[in-house]
Amino acid sequence: MFVWLFHRISGVLLVVLLPLQILTGVLQASSSPAARVIRDVHAHGLLNIVLAFFVIFHGVYGVRAILLDLGVKHEGLLFWICTVLGFVLFGGFLALCLTVYAA
């Protein structure tokens, strides 16, 4: 139940966050006063980290759903494998992201 709910919520959040990230990236070239606020939103590290978290886990749990639809058994084991894989991928991204933001 948790995976199903998380997958749906993360999908909705990605529909909002990805266009926001793209829009703020496109509008960075503008020199208007509102562009400064947009520049701050685009370069906000926490937004990028949250976006990466949702992209990684939405993708991993999506692969899990596909495998279950294809008839793979052991749903509980598959949940834990996907969850651990998601945290490993996110941990790697977080380590990379923190080194870039620290520099």
C-alpha atoms as a PDB file:
ATOM      1  CA  MET A   1       0.000   0.000   0.000  1.00  0.00           C
ATOM      2  CA  PHE A   2       2.844   2.415   0.863  1.00  0.00           C
ATOM      3  CA  VAL A   3       4.566   1.949  -2.493  1.00  0.00           C
ATOM      4  CA  TRP A   4       1.345   2.469  -4.428  1.00  0.00           C
ATOM      5  CA  LEU A   5       0.550   5.669  -2.517  1.00  0.00           C
ATOM      6  CA  PHE A   6       4.127   6.991  -2.695  1.00  0.00           C
ATOM      7  CA  HIS A   7       4.306   6.273  -6.413  1.00  0.00           C
ATOM      8  CA  ARG A   8       1.108   8.248  -7.061  1.00  0.00           C
ATOM      9  CA  ILE A   9       2.080  11.193  -4.833  1.00  0.00           C
ATOM     10  CA  SER A  10       5.607  11.382  -6.240  1.00  0.00           C
ATOM     11  CA  GLY A  11       4.183  11.327  -9.762  1.00  0.00           C
ATOM     12  CA  VAL A  12       1.960  14.316  -9.017  1.00  0.00           C
ATOM     13  CA  LEU A  13       4.831  16.179  -7.355  1.00  0.00           C
ATOM     14  CA  LEU A  14       7.095  15.488 -10.330  1.00  0.00           C
ATOM     15  CA  VAL A  15       4.463  16.938 -12.654  1.00  0.00           C
ATOM     16  CA  VAL A  16       4.754  20.157 -10.630  1.00  0.00           C
ATOM     17  CA  LEU A  17       8.466  20.220  -9.773  1.00  0.00           C
ATOM     18  CA  LEU A  18       9.991  19.271 -13.134  1.00  0.00           C
ATOM     19  CA  PRO A  19       8.259  22.031 -15.128  1.00  0.00           C
ATOM     20  CA  LEU A  20       9.121  24.486 -12.339  1.00  0.00           C
ATOM     21  CA  GLN A  21      12.780  23.514 -12.598  1.00  0.00           C
ATOM     22  CA  ILE A  22      12.732  23.793 -16.387  1.00  0.00           C
ATOM     23  CA  LEU A  23      10.870  27.117 -16.326  1.00  0.00           C
ATOM     24  CA  THR A  24      13.233  28.664 -13.786  1.00  0.00           C
ATOM     25  CA  GLY A  25      16.199  27.477 -15.852  1.00  0.00           C
ATOM     26  CA  VAL A  26      14.817  29.062 -19.002  1.00  0.00           C
ATOM     27  CA  LEU A  27      13.967  32.340 -17.275  1.00  0.00           C
ATOM     28  CA  GLN A  28      17.439  32.751 -15.760  1.00  0.00           C
ATOM     29  CA  ALA A  29      18.610  34.690 -18.787  1.00  0.00           C
ATOM     30  CA  SER A  30      16.083  37.458 -18.135  1.00  0.00           C
ATOM     31  CA  SER A  31      17.221  40.641 -16.392  1.00  0.00           C
ATOM     32  CA  SER A  32      13.902  41.671 -14.860  1.00  0.00           C
ATOM     33  CA  PRO A  33      13.557  42.025 -11.066  1.00  0.00           C
ATOM     34  CA  ALA A  34      11.320  38.970 -10.948  1.00  0.00           C
ATOM     35  CA  ALA A  35      14.102  36.983 -12.601  1.00  0.00           C
ATOM     36  CA  ARG A  36      16.240  37.366  -9.481  1.00  0.00           C
ATOM     37  CA  VAL A  37      13.631  35.521  -7.441  1.00  0.00           C
ATOM     38  CA  ILE A  38      13.379  32.885 -10.154  1.00  0.00           C
ATOM     39  CA  ARG A  39      17.168  32.534 -10.194  1.00  0.00           C
ATOM     40  CA  ASP A  40      17.126  31.887  -6.448  1.00  0.00           C
ATOM     41  CA  VAL A  41      14.455  29.203  -6.815  1.00  0.00           C
ATOM     42  CA  HIS A  42      16.391  27.480  -9.595  1.00  0.00           C
ATOM     43  CA  ALA A  43      19.656  27.421  -7.666  1.00  0.00           C
ATOM     44  CA  HIS A  44      18.043  26.306  -4.396  1.00  0.00           C
ATOM     45  CA  GLY A  45      19.866  23.154  -3.342  1.00  0.00           C
ATOM     46  CA  LEU A  46      17.043  21.675  -1.291  1.00  0.00           C
ATOM     47  CA  LEU A  47      14.645  21.830  -4.240  1.00  0.00           C
ATOM     48  CA  ASN A  48      17.157  19.959  -6.403  1.00  0.00           C
ATOM     49  CA  ILE A  49      17.680  17.319  -3.720  1.00  0.00           C
ATOM     50  CA  VAL A  50      13.933  16.807  -3.203  1.00  0.00           C
ATOM     51  CA  LEU A  51      13.439  16.602  -6.952  1.00  0.00           C
ATOM     52  CA  ALA A  52      16.189  13.974  -7.246  1.00  0.00           C
ATOM     53  CA  PHE A  53      14.667  11.987  -4.351  1.00  0.00           C
ATOM     54  CA  PHE A  54      11.292  11.827  -6.074  1.00  0.00           C
ATOM     55  CA  VAL A  55      12.775  11.033  -9.493  1.00  0.00           C
ATOM     56  CA  ILE A  56      14.912   8.188  -8.113  1.00  0.00           C
ATOM     57  CA  PHE A  57      12.218   6.567  -5.993  1.00  0.00           C
ATOM     58  CA  HIS A  58       9.479   7.073  -8.577  1.00  0.00           C
ATOM     59  CA  GLY A  59      11.693   5.352 -11.140  1.00  0.00           C
ATOM     60  CA  VAL A  60      12.724   2.487  -8.870  1.00  0.00           C
ATOM     61  CA  TYR A  61       9.182   1.827  -7.675  1.00  0.00           C
ATOM     62  CA  GLY A  62       7.987   2.098 -11.290  1.00  0.00           C
ATOM     63  CA  VAL A  63      10.396  -0.678 -12.281  1.00  0.00           C
ATOM     64  CA  ARG A  64       9.078  -2.673  -9.316  1.00  0.00           C
ATOM     65  CA  ALA A  65       5.505  -2.230 -10.563  1.00  0.00           C
ATOM     66  CA  ILE A  66       6.517  -3.373 -14.051  1.00  0.00           C
ATOM     67  CA  LEU A  67       8.241  -6.460 -12.638  1.00  0.00           C
ATOM     68  CA  LEU A  68       5.152  -7.311 -10.591  1.00  0.00           C
ATOM     69  CA  ASP A  69       2.968  -6.902 -13.681  1.00  0.00           C
ATOM     70  CA  LEU A  70       5.272  -9.275 -15.551  1.00  0.00           C
ATOM     71  CA  GLY A  71       4.636 -11.931 -12.907  1.00  0.00           C
ATOM     72  CA  VAL A  72       7.685 -11.702 -10.643  1.00  0.00           C
ATOM     73  CA  LYS A  73       6.850 -13.257  -7.284  1.00  0.00           C
ATOM     74  CA  HIS A  74       8.119 -12.282  -3.820  1.00  0.00           C
ATOM     75  CA  GLU A  75       6.533  -8.829  -3.605  1.00  0.00           C
ATOM     76  CA  GLY A  76       7.960  -8.202  -0.130  1.00  0.00           C
ATOM     77  CA  LEU A  77      11.515  -9.013  -1.164  1.00  0.00           C
ATOM     78  CA  LEU A  78      11.138  -6.882  -4.269  1.00  0.00           C
ATOM     79  CA  PHE A  79       9.970  -3.976  -2.104  1.00  0.00           C
ATOM     80  CA  TRP A  80      13.060  -4.162   0.087  1.00  0.00           C
ATOM     81  CA  ILE A  81      15.424  -4.559  -2.855  1.00  0.00           C
ATOM     82  CA  CYS A  82      13.926  -1.510  -4.575  1.00  0.00           C
ATOM     83  CA  THR A  83      13.929   0.521  -1.368  1.00  0.00           C
ATOM     84  CA  VAL A  84      17.579  -0.260  -0.615  1.00  0.00           C
ATOM     85  CA  LEU A  85      18.532   0.406  -4.243  1.00  0.00           C
ATOM     86  CA  GLY A  86      16.680   3.725  -4.100  1.00  0.00           C
ATOM     87  CA  PHE A  87      18.470   4.790  -0.929  1.00  0.00           C
ATOM     88  CA  VAL A  88      21.849   3.748  -2.351  1.00  0.00           C
ATOM     89  CA  LEU A  89      21.233   5.754  -5.531  1.00  0.00           C
ATOM     90  CA  PHE A  90      19.941   8.723  -3.563  1.00  0.00           C
ATOM     91  CA  GLY A  91      22.884   8.519  -1.155  1.00  0.00           C
ATOM     92  CA  GLY A  92      25.287   8.603  -4.082  1.00  0.00           C
ATOM     93  CA  PHE A  93      23.479  11.589  -5.562  1.00  0.00           C
ATOM     94  CA  LEU A  94      23.409  13.337  -2.190  1.00  0.00           C
ATOM     95  CA  ALA A  95      27.152  12.807  -1.690  1.00  0.00           C
ATOM     96  CA  LEU A  96      27.836  14.172  -5.171  1.00  0.00           C
ATOM     97  CA  CYS A  97      25.460  17.081  -4.642  1.00  0.00           C
ATOM     98  CA  LEU A  98      26.961  18.035  -1.286  1.00  0.00           C
ATOM     99  CA  THR A  99      30.481  18.057  -2.715  1.00  0.00           C
ATOM    100  CA  VAL A 100      29.339  20.327  -5.544  1.00  0.00           C
ATOM    101  CA  TYR A 101      27.467  22.697  -3.206  1.00  0.00           C
ATOM    102  CA  ALA A 102      30.410  22.767  -0.774  1.00  0.00           C
ATOM    103  CA  ALA A 103      32.834  23.812  -3.519  1.00  0.00           C
END
